mmCIF file of all heavy atoms, coordinates in Angstrom:
data_MODEL
# 
_entry.id   MODEL 
# 
loop_
_atom_site.group_PDB 
_atom_site.id 
_atom_site.type_symbol 
_atom_site.label_atom_id 
_atom_site.label_alt_id 
_atom_site.label_comp_id 
_atom_site.label_asym_id 
_atom_site.label_entity_id 
_atom_site.label_seq_id 
_atom_site.pdbx_PDB_ins_code 
_atom_site.Cartn_x 
_atom_site.Cartn_y 
_atom_site.Cartn_z 
_atom_site.occupancy 
_atom_site.B_iso_or_equiv 
_atom_site.pdbx_formal_charge 
_atom_site.auth_seq_id 
_atom_site.auth_comp_id 
_atom_site.auth_asym_id 
_atom_site.auth_atom_id 
_atom_site.pdbx_PDB_model_num 
ATOM 1   N N   . VAL A 1 1  ? 32.937 35.432 -12.415 1.00 0.00 ? 1  VAL A N   1 
ATOM 2   C CA  . VAL A 1 1  ? 32.488 34.319 -13.257 1.00 0.00 ? 1  VAL A CA  1 
ATOM 3   C C   . VAL A 1 1  ? 31.332 33.587 -12.593 1.00 0.00 ? 1  VAL A C   1 
ATOM 4   O O   . VAL A 1 1  ? 31.471 33.034 -11.493 1.00 0.00 ? 1  VAL A O   1 
ATOM 5   C CB  . VAL A 1 1  ? 33.642 33.333 -13.521 1.00 0.00 ? 1  VAL A CB  1 
ATOM 6   C CG1 . VAL A 1 1  ? 33.170 32.202 -14.440 1.00 0.00 ? 1  VAL A CG1 1 
ATOM 7   C CG2 . VAL A 1 1  ? 34.842 34.052 -14.146 1.00 0.00 ? 1  VAL A CG2 1 
ATOM 8   N N   . ALA A 1 2  ? 30.178 33.584 -13.259 1.00 0.00 ? 2  ALA A N   1 
ATOM 9   C CA  . ALA A 1 2  ? 29.027 32.801 -12.825 1.00 0.00 ? 2  ALA A CA  1 
ATOM 10  C C   . ALA A 1 2  ? 29.073 31.464 -13.560 1.00 0.00 ? 2  ALA A C   1 
ATOM 11  O O   . ALA A 1 2  ? 29.186 31.434 -14.785 1.00 0.00 ? 2  ALA A O   1 
ATOM 12  C CB  . ALA A 1 2  ? 27.733 33.533 -13.143 1.00 0.00 ? 2  ALA A CB  1 
ATOM 13  N N   . ILE A 1 3  ? 29.023 30.361 -12.810 1.00 0.00 ? 3  ILE A N   1 
ATOM 14  C CA  . ILE A 1 3  ? 29.198 29.040 -13.399 1.00 0.00 ? 3  ILE A CA  1 
ATOM 15  C C   . ILE A 1 3  ? 27.902 28.255 -13.343 1.00 0.00 ? 3  ILE A C   1 
ATOM 16  O O   . ILE A 1 3  ? 27.214 28.233 -12.325 1.00 0.00 ? 3  ILE A O   1 
ATOM 17  C CB  . ILE A 1 3  ? 30.288 28.235 -12.653 1.00 0.00 ? 3  ILE A CB  1 
ATOM 18  C CG1 . ILE A 1 3  ? 31.586 29.040 -12.548 1.00 0.00 ? 3  ILE A CG1 1 
ATOM 19  C CG2 . ILE A 1 3  ? 30.547 26.908 -13.360 1.00 0.00 ? 3  ILE A CG2 1 
ATOM 20  C CD1 . ILE A 1 3  ? 32.653 28.345 -11.706 1.00 0.00 ? 3  ILE A CD1 1 
ATOM 21  N N   . GLY A 1 4  ? 27.577 27.581 -14.456 1.00 0.00 ? 4  GLY A N   1 
ATOM 22  C CA  . GLY A 1 4  ? 26.405 26.709 -14.462 1.00 0.00 ? 4  GLY A CA  1 
ATOM 23  C C   . GLY A 1 4  ? 26.057 26.262 -15.861 1.00 0.00 ? 4  GLY A C   1 
ATOM 24  O O   . GLY A 1 4  ? 26.636 26.740 -16.847 1.00 0.00 ? 4  GLY A O   1 
ATOM 25  N N   . ASN A 1 5  ? 25.108 25.341 -15.967 1.00 0.00 ? 5  ASN A N   1 
ATOM 26  C CA  . ASN A 1 5  ? 24.617 24.932 -17.287 1.00 0.00 ? 5  ASN A CA  1 
ATOM 27  C C   . ASN A 1 5  ? 23.669 25.967 -17.870 1.00 0.00 ? 5  ASN A C   1 
ATOM 28  O O   . ASN A 1 5  ? 23.559 26.093 -19.083 1.00 0.00 ? 5  ASN A O   1 
ATOM 29  C CB  . ASN A 1 5  ? 23.914 23.572 -17.189 1.00 0.00 ? 5  ASN A CB  1 
ATOM 30  C CG  . ASN A 1 5  ? 24.878 22.453 -16.862 1.00 0.00 ? 5  ASN A CG  1 
ATOM 31  O OD1 . ASN A 1 5  ? 25.915 22.319 -17.498 1.00 0.00 ? 5  ASN A OD1 1 
ATOM 32  N ND2 . ASN A 1 5  ? 24.558 21.665 -15.840 1.00 0.00 ? 5  ASN A ND2 1 
ATOM 33  N N   . PHE A 1 6  ? 22.957 26.671 -17.011 1.00 0.00 ? 6  PHE A N   1 
ATOM 34  C CA  . PHE A 1 6  ? 22.065 27.758 -17.419 1.00 0.00 ? 6  PHE A CA  1 
ATOM 35  C C   . PHE A 1 6  ? 21.073 27.319 -18.501 1.00 0.00 ? 6  PHE A C   1 
ATOM 36  O O   . PHE A 1 6  ? 20.798 28.072 -19.435 1.00 0.00 ? 6  PHE A O   1 
ATOM 37  C CB  . PHE A 1 6  ? 22.868 28.981 -17.879 1.00 0.00 ? 6  PHE A CB  1 
ATOM 38  C CG  . PHE A 1 6  ? 23.726 29.586 -16.794 1.00 0.00 ? 6  PHE A CG  1 
ATOM 39  C CD1 . PHE A 1 6  ? 25.112 29.467 -16.828 1.00 0.00 ? 6  PHE A CD1 1 
ATOM 40  C CD2 . PHE A 1 6  ? 23.148 30.243 -15.722 1.00 0.00 ? 6  PHE A CD2 1 
ATOM 41  C CE1 . PHE A 1 6  ? 25.905 30.004 -15.815 1.00 0.00 ? 6  PHE A CE1 1 
ATOM 42  C CE2 . PHE A 1 6  ? 23.929 30.771 -14.702 1.00 0.00 ? 6  PHE A CE2 1 
ATOM 43  C CZ  . PHE A 1 6  ? 25.311 30.658 -14.751 1.00 0.00 ? 6  PHE A CZ  1 
ATOM 44  N N   . ASP A 1 7  ? 20.549 26.099 -18.377 1.00 0.00 ? 7  ASP A N   1 
ATOM 45  C CA  . ASP A 1 7  ? 19.560 25.637 -19.347 1.00 0.00 ? 7  ASP A CA  1 
ATOM 46  C C   . ASP A 1 7  ? 18.250 26.376 -19.113 1.00 0.00 ? 7  ASP A C   1 
ATOM 47  O O   . ASP A 1 7  ? 17.613 26.242 -18.070 1.00 0.00 ? 7  ASP A O   1 
ATOM 48  C CB  . ASP A 1 7  ? 19.344 24.122 -19.199 1.00 0.00 ? 7  ASP A CB  1 
ATOM 49  C CG  . ASP A 1 7  ? 18.486 23.552 -20.327 1.00 0.00 ? 7  ASP A CG  1 
ATOM 50  O OD1 . ASP A 1 7  ? 18.394 24.197 -21.392 1.00 0.00 ? 7  ASP A OD1 1 
ATOM 51  O OD2 . ASP A 1 7  ? 17.916 22.457 -20.140 1.00 0.00 ? 7  ASP A OD2 1 
ATOM 52  N N   . GLY A 1 8  ? 17.863 27.189 -20.077 1.00 0.00 ? 8  GLY A N   1 
ATOM 53  C CA  . GLY A 1 8  ? 16.656 27.991 -19.968 1.00 0.00 ? 8  GLY A CA  1 
ATOM 54  C C   . GLY A 1 8  ? 16.900 29.418 -19.511 1.00 0.00 ? 8  GLY A C   1 
ATOM 55  O O   . GLY A 1 8  ? 16.073 30.290 -19.725 1.00 0.00 ? 8  GLY A O   1 
ATOM 56  N N   . LEU A 1 9  ? 18.033 29.679 -18.859 1.00 0.00 ? 9  LEU A N   1 
ATOM 57  C CA  . LEU A 1 9  ? 18.306 30.997 -18.279 1.00 0.00 ? 9  LEU A CA  1 
ATOM 58  C C   . LEU A 1 9  ? 17.048 31.551 -17.600 1.00 0.00 ? 9  LEU A C   1 
ATOM 59  O O   . LEU A 1 9  ? 16.573 32.637 -17.912 1.00 0.00 ? 9  LEU A O   1 
ATOM 60  C CB  . LEU A 1 9  ? 18.834 31.964 -19.342 1.00 0.00 ? 9  LEU A CB  1 
ATOM 61  C CG  . LEU A 1 9  ? 20.346 32.064 -19.448 1.00 0.00 ? 9  LEU A CG  1 
ATOM 62  C CD1 . LEU A 1 9  ? 20.761 33.032 -20.556 1.00 0.00 ? 9  LEU A CD1 1 
ATOM 63  C CD2 . LEU A 1 9  ? 20.980 32.530 -18.132 1.00 0.00 ? 9  LEU A CD2 1 
ATOM 64  N N   . HIS A 1 10 ? 16.506 30.771 -16.663 1.00 0.00 ? 10 HIS A N   1 
ATOM 65  C CA  . HIS A 1 10 ? 15.250 31.106 -15.998 1.00 0.00 ? 10 HIS A CA  1 
ATOM 66  C C   . HIS A 1 10 ? 15.464 32.153 -14.905 1.00 0.00 ? 10 HIS A C   1 
ATOM 67  O O   . HIS A 1 10 ? 16.588 32.662 -14.707 1.00 0.00 ? 10 HIS A O   1 
ATOM 68  C CB  . HIS A 1 10 ? 14.595 29.845 -15.441 1.00 0.00 ? 10 HIS A CB  1 
ATOM 69  C CG  . HIS A 1 10 ? 15.483 29.028 -14.555 1.00 0.00 ? 10 HIS A CG  1 
ATOM 70  N ND1 . HIS A 1 10 ? 15.915 29.468 -13.318 1.00 0.00 ? 10 HIS A ND1 1 
ATOM 71  C CD2 . HIS A 1 10 ? 16.025 27.786 -14.708 1.00 0.00 ? 10 HIS A CD2 1 
ATOM 72  C CE1 . HIS A 1 10 ? 16.665 28.549 -12.747 1.00 0.00 ? 10 HIS A CE1 1 
ATOM 73  N NE2 . HIS A 1 10 ? 16.768 27.504 -13.572 1.00 0.00 ? 10 HIS A NE2 1 
ATOM 74  N N   . LEU A 1 11 ? 14.401 32.479 -14.193 1.00 0.00 ? 11 LEU A N   1 
ATOM 75  C CA  . LEU A 1 11 ? 14.477 33.558 -13.214 1.00 0.00 ? 11 LEU A CA  1 
ATOM 76  C C   . LEU A 1 11 ? 15.418 33.240 -12.054 1.00 0.00 ? 11 LEU A C   1 
ATOM 77  O O   . LEU A 1 11 ? 16.003 34.144 -11.458 1.00 0.00 ? 11 LEU A O   1 
ATOM 78  C CB  . LEU A 1 11 ? 13.073 33.884 -12.687 1.00 0.00 ? 11 LEU A CB  1 
ATOM 79  C CG  . LEU A 1 11 ? 12.152 34.577 -13.694 1.00 0.00 ? 11 LEU A CG  1 
ATOM 80  C CD1 . LEU A 1 11 ? 10.760 34.761 -13.111 1.00 0.00 ? 11 LEU A CD1 1 
ATOM 81  C CD2 . LEU A 1 11 ? 12.726 35.921 -14.132 1.00 0.00 ? 11 LEU A CD2 1 
ATOM 82  N N   . GLY A 1 12 ? 15.571 31.953 -11.719 1.00 0.00 ? 12 GLY A N   1 
ATOM 83  C CA  . GLY A 1 12 ? 16.555 31.593 -10.710 1.00 0.00 ? 12 GLY A CA  1 
ATOM 84  C C   . GLY A 1 12 ? 17.959 31.892 -11.180 1.00 0.00 ? 12 GLY A C   1 
ATOM 85  O O   . GLY A 1 12 ? 18.784 32.457 -10.434 1.00 0.00 ? 12 GLY A O   1 
ATOM 86  N N   . HIS A 1 13 ? 18.261 31.533 -12.430 1.00 0.00 ? 13 HIS A N   1 
ATOM 87  C CA  . HIS A 1 13 ? 19.563 31.871 -13.014 1.00 0.00 ? 13 HIS A CA  1 
ATOM 88  C C   . HIS A 1 13 ? 19.767 33.384 -13.038 1.00 0.00 ? 13 HIS A C   1 
ATOM 89  O O   . HIS A 1 13 ? 20.866 33.884 -12.747 1.00 0.00 ? 13 HIS A O   1 
ATOM 90  C CB  . HIS A 1 13 ? 19.658 31.347 -14.453 1.00 0.00 ? 13 HIS A CB  1 
ATOM 91  C CG  . HIS A 1 13 ? 19.648 29.859 -14.572 1.00 0.00 ? 13 HIS A CG  1 
ATOM 92  N ND1 . HIS A 1 13 ? 19.028 29.198 -15.608 1.00 0.00 ? 13 HIS A ND1 1 
ATOM 93  C CD2 . HIS A 1 13 ? 20.189 28.892 -13.789 1.00 0.00 ? 13 HIS A CD2 1 
ATOM 94  C CE1 . HIS A 1 13 ? 19.202 27.901 -15.466 1.00 0.00 ? 13 HIS A CE1 1 
ATOM 95  N NE2 . HIS A 1 13 ? 19.893 27.683 -14.375 1.00 0.00 ? 13 HIS A NE2 1 
ATOM 96  N N   . GLN A 1 14 ? 18.721 34.103 -13.392 1.00 0.00 ? 14 GLN A N   1 
ATOM 97  C CA  . GLN A 1 14 ? 18.856 35.549 -13.516 1.00 0.00 ? 14 GLN A CA  1 
ATOM 98  C C   . GLN A 1 14 ? 19.099 36.207 -12.159 1.00 0.00 ? 14 GLN A C   1 
ATOM 99  O O   . GLN A 1 14 ? 19.805 37.217 -12.070 1.00 0.00 ? 14 GLN A O   1 
ATOM 100 C CB  . GLN A 1 14 ? 17.626 36.120 -14.207 1.00 0.00 ? 14 GLN A CB  1 
ATOM 101 C CG  . GLN A 1 14 ? 17.538 35.712 -15.683 1.00 0.00 ? 14 GLN A CG  1 
ATOM 102 C CD  . GLN A 1 14 ? 16.301 36.230 -16.371 1.00 0.00 ? 14 GLN A CD  1 
ATOM 103 O OE1 . GLN A 1 14 ? 15.907 37.375 -16.181 1.00 0.00 ? 14 GLN A OE1 1 
ATOM 104 N NE2 . GLN A 1 14 ? 15.659 35.385 -17.179 1.00 0.00 ? 14 GLN A NE2 1 
ATOM 105 N N   . THR A 1 15 ? 18.521 35.633 -11.091 1.00 0.00 ? 15 THR A N   1 
ATOM 106 C CA  . THR A 1 15 ? 18.804 36.137 -9.746  1.00 0.00 ? 15 THR A CA  1 
ATOM 107 C C   . THR A 1 15 ? 20.279 35.937 -9.402  1.00 0.00 ? 15 THR A C   1 
ATOM 108 O O   . THR A 1 15 ? 20.942 36.831 -8.858  1.00 0.00 ? 15 THR A O   1 
ATOM 109 C CB  . THR A 1 15 ? 17.921 35.425 -8.704  1.00 0.00 ? 15 THR A CB  1 
ATOM 110 O OG1 . THR A 1 15 ? 16.548 35.722 -8.982  1.00 0.00 ? 15 THR A OG1 1 
ATOM 111 C CG2 . THR A 1 15 ? 18.254 35.881 -7.299  1.00 0.00 ? 15 THR A CG2 1 
ATOM 112 N N   . LEU A 1 16 ? 20.802 34.765 -9.728  1.00 0.00 ? 16 LEU A N   1 
ATOM 113 C CA  . LEU A 1 16 ? 22.225 34.496 -9.512  1.00 0.00 ? 16 LEU A CA  1 
ATOM 114 C C   . LEU A 1 16 ? 23.077 35.487 -10.300 1.00 0.00 ? 16 LEU A C   1 
ATOM 115 O O   . LEU A 1 16 ? 24.054 36.045 -9.777  1.00 0.00 ? 16 LEU A O   1 
ATOM 116 C CB  . LEU A 1 16 ? 22.532 33.054 -9.917  1.00 0.00 ? 16 LEU A CB  1 
ATOM 117 C CG  . LEU A 1 16 ? 23.957 32.527 -9.701  1.00 0.00 ? 16 LEU A CG  1 
ATOM 118 C CD1 . LEU A 1 16 ? 23.917 31.009 -9.454  1.00 0.00 ? 16 LEU A CD1 1 
ATOM 119 C CD2 . LEU A 1 16 ? 24.860 32.801 -10.903 1.00 0.00 ? 16 LEU A CD2 1 
ATOM 120 N N   . LEU A 1 17 ? 22.702 35.726 -11.550 1.00 0.00 ? 17 LEU A N   1 
ATOM 121 C CA  . LEU A 1 17 ? 23.483 36.642 -12.383 1.00 0.00 ? 17 LEU A CA  1 
ATOM 122 C C   . LEU A 1 17 ? 23.357 38.085 -11.910 1.00 0.00 ? 17 LEU A C   1 
ATOM 123 O O   . LEU A 1 17 ? 24.306 38.867 -12.043 1.00 0.00 ? 17 LEU A O   1 
ATOM 124 C CB  . LEU A 1 17 ? 23.041 36.507 -13.843 1.00 0.00 ? 17 LEU A CB  1 
ATOM 125 C CG  . LEU A 1 17 ? 23.438 35.184 -14.506 1.00 0.00 ? 17 LEU A CG  1 
ATOM 126 C CD1 . LEU A 1 17 ? 22.731 35.014 -15.846 1.00 0.00 ? 17 LEU A CD1 1 
ATOM 127 C CD2 . LEU A 1 17 ? 24.948 35.101 -14.695 1.00 0.00 ? 17 LEU A CD2 1 
ATOM 128 N N   . ASP A 1 18 ? 22.208 38.453 -11.332 1.00 0.00 ? 18 ASP A N   1 
ATOM 129 C CA  . ASP A 1 18 ? 22.061 39.797 -10.769 1.00 0.00 ? 18 ASP A CA  1 
ATOM 130 C C   . ASP A 1 18 ? 23.047 40.005 -9.612  1.00 0.00 ? 18 ASP A C   1 
ATOM 131 O O   . ASP A 1 18 ? 23.667 41.073 -9.488  1.00 0.00 ? 18 ASP A O   1 
ATOM 132 C CB  . ASP A 1 18 ? 20.630 40.012 -10.267 1.00 0.00 ? 18 ASP A CB  1 
ATOM 133 C CG  . ASP A 1 18 ? 19.642 40.233 -11.398 1.00 0.00 ? 18 ASP A CG  1 
ATOM 134 O OD1 . ASP A 1 18 ? 20.085 40.526 -12.523 1.00 0.00 ? 18 ASP A OD1 1 
ATOM 135 O OD2 . ASP A 1 18 ? 18.429 40.097 -11.143 1.00 0.00 ? 18 ASP A OD2 1 
ATOM 136 N N   . GLN A 1 19 ? 23.203 38.986 -8.777  1.00 0.00 ? 19 GLN A N   1 
ATOM 137 C CA  . GLN A 1 19 ? 24.164 39.093 -7.685  1.00 0.00 ? 19 GLN A CA  1 
ATOM 138 C C   . GLN A 1 19 ? 25.598 39.158 -8.215  1.00 0.00 ? 19 GLN A C   1 
ATOM 139 O O   . GLN A 1 19 ? 26.423 39.926 -7.718  1.00 0.00 ? 19 GLN A O   1 
ATOM 140 C CB  . GLN A 1 19 ? 23.995 37.912 -6.727  1.00 0.00 ? 19 GLN A CB  1 
ATOM 141 C CG  . GLN A 1 19 ? 22.671 37.925 -5.977  1.00 0.00 ? 19 GLN A CG  1 
ATOM 142 C CD  . GLN A 1 19 ? 22.671 37.015 -4.768  1.00 0.00 ? 19 GLN A CD  1 
ATOM 143 O OE1 . GLN A 1 19 ? 23.688 36.847 -4.104  1.00 0.00 ? 19 GLN A OE1 1 
ATOM 144 N NE2 . GLN A 1 19 ? 21.519 36.428 -4.469  1.00 0.00 ? 19 GLN A NE2 1 
ATOM 145 N N   . ALA A 1 20 ? 25.866 38.339 -9.227  1.00 0.00 ? 20 ALA A N   1 
ATOM 146 C CA  . ALA A 1 20 ? 27.200 38.371 -9.836  1.00 0.00 ? 20 ALA A CA  1 
ATOM 147 C C   . ALA A 1 20 ? 27.473 39.734 -10.470 1.00 0.00 ? 20 ALA A C   1 
ATOM 148 O O   . ALA A 1 20 ? 28.599 40.258 -10.383 1.00 0.00 ? 20 ALA A O   1 
ATOM 149 C CB  . ALA A 1 20 ? 27.313 37.264 -10.883 1.00 0.00 ? 20 ALA A CB  1 
ATOM 150 N N   . ARG A 1 21 ? 26.473 40.322 -11.087 1.00 0.00 ? 21 ARG A N   1 
ATOM 151 C CA  . ARG A 1 21 ? 26.636 41.632 -11.732 1.00 0.00 ? 21 ARG A CA  1 
ATOM 152 C C   . ARG A 1 21 ? 26.969 42.709 -10.697 1.00 0.00 ? 21 ARG A C   1 
ATOM 153 O O   . ARG A 1 21 ? 27.823 43.582 -10.935 1.00 0.00 ? 21 ARG A O   1 
ATOM 154 C CB  . ARG A 1 21 ? 25.361 41.980 -12.503 1.00 0.00 ? 21 ARG A CB  1 
ATOM 155 C CG  . ARG A 1 21 ? 25.455 43.294 -13.302 1.00 0.00 ? 21 ARG A CG  1 
ATOM 156 C CD  . ARG A 1 21 ? 24.201 43.526 -14.126 1.00 0.00 ? 21 ARG A CD  1 
ATOM 157 N NE  . ARG A 1 21 ? 24.049 42.508 -15.155 1.00 0.00 ? 21 ARG A NE  1 
ATOM 158 C CZ  . ARG A 1 21 ? 23.168 41.507 -15.103 1.00 0.00 ? 21 ARG A CZ  1 
ATOM 159 N NH1 . ARG A 1 21 ? 22.339 41.403 -14.067 1.00 0.00 ? 21 ARG A NH1 1 
ATOM 160 N NH2 . ARG A 1 21 ? 23.106 40.622 -16.076 1.00 0.00 ? 21 ARG A NH2 1 
ATOM 161 N N   . LYS A 1 22 ? 26.293 42.662 -9.568  1.00 0.00 ? 22 LYS A N   1 
ATOM 162 C CA  . LYS A 1 22 ? 26.570 43.643 -8.509  1.00 0.00 ? 22 LYS A CA  1 
ATOM 163 C C   . LYS A 1 22 ? 28.012 43.508 -8.014  1.00 0.00 ? 22 LYS A C   1 
ATOM 164 O O   . LYS A 1 22 ? 28.702 44.517 -7.806  1.00 0.00 ? 22 LYS A O   1 
ATOM 165 C CB  . LYS A 1 22 ? 25.594 43.455 -7.346  1.00 0.00 ? 22 LYS A CB  1 
ATOM 166 C CG  . LYS A 1 22 ? 25.784 44.472 -6.221  1.00 0.00 ? 22 LYS A CG  1 
ATOM 167 C CD  . LYS A 1 22 ? 24.792 44.252 -5.101  1.00 0.00 ? 22 LYS A CD  1 
ATOM 168 C CE  . LYS A 1 22 ? 24.929 45.346 -4.035  1.00 0.00 ? 22 LYS A CE  1 
ATOM 169 N NZ  . LYS A 1 22 ? 26.296 45.477 -3.511  1.00 0.00 ? 22 LYS A NZ  1 
ATOM 170 N N   . ILE A 1 23 ? 28.470 42.281 -7.827  1.00 0.00 ? 23 ILE A N   1 
ATOM 171 C CA  . ILE A 1 23 ? 29.848 42.064 -7.379  1.00 0.00 ? 23 ILE A CA  1 
ATOM 172 C C   . ILE A 1 23 ? 30.835 42.587 -8.426  1.00 0.00 ? 23 ILE A C   1 
ATOM 173 O O   . ILE A 1 23 ? 31.841 43.227 -8.094  1.00 0.00 ? 23 ILE A O   1 
ATOM 174 C CB  . ILE A 1 23 ? 30.087 40.570 -7.095  1.00 0.00 ? 23 ILE A CB  1 
ATOM 175 C CG1 . ILE A 1 23 ? 29.215 40.107 -5.921  1.00 0.00 ? 23 ILE A CG1 1 
ATOM 176 C CG2 . ILE A 1 23 ? 31.564 40.296 -6.801  1.00 0.00 ? 23 ILE A CG2 1 
ATOM 177 C CD1 . ILE A 1 23 ? 29.154 38.608 -5.755  1.00 0.00 ? 23 ILE A CD1 1 
ATOM 178 N N   . ALA A 1 24 ? 30.536 42.312 -9.708  1.00 0.00 ? 24 ALA A N   1 
ATOM 179 C CA  . ALA A 1 24 ? 31.422 42.770 -10.789 1.00 0.00 ? 24 ALA A CA  1 
ATOM 180 C C   . ALA A 1 24 ? 31.517 44.293 -10.807 1.00 0.00 ? 24 ALA A C   1 
ATOM 181 O O   . ALA A 1 24 ? 32.608 44.858 -10.998 1.00 0.00 ? 24 ALA A O   1 
ATOM 182 C CB  . ALA A 1 24 ? 30.910 42.244 -12.129 1.00 0.00 ? 24 ALA A CB  1 
# 
């Protein structure tokens, strides 16, 4: 579970989600 407001889903958010995806 990646947690946040994710307003804009910008490249910083996407980097976080890339790491979360690898863990998943």
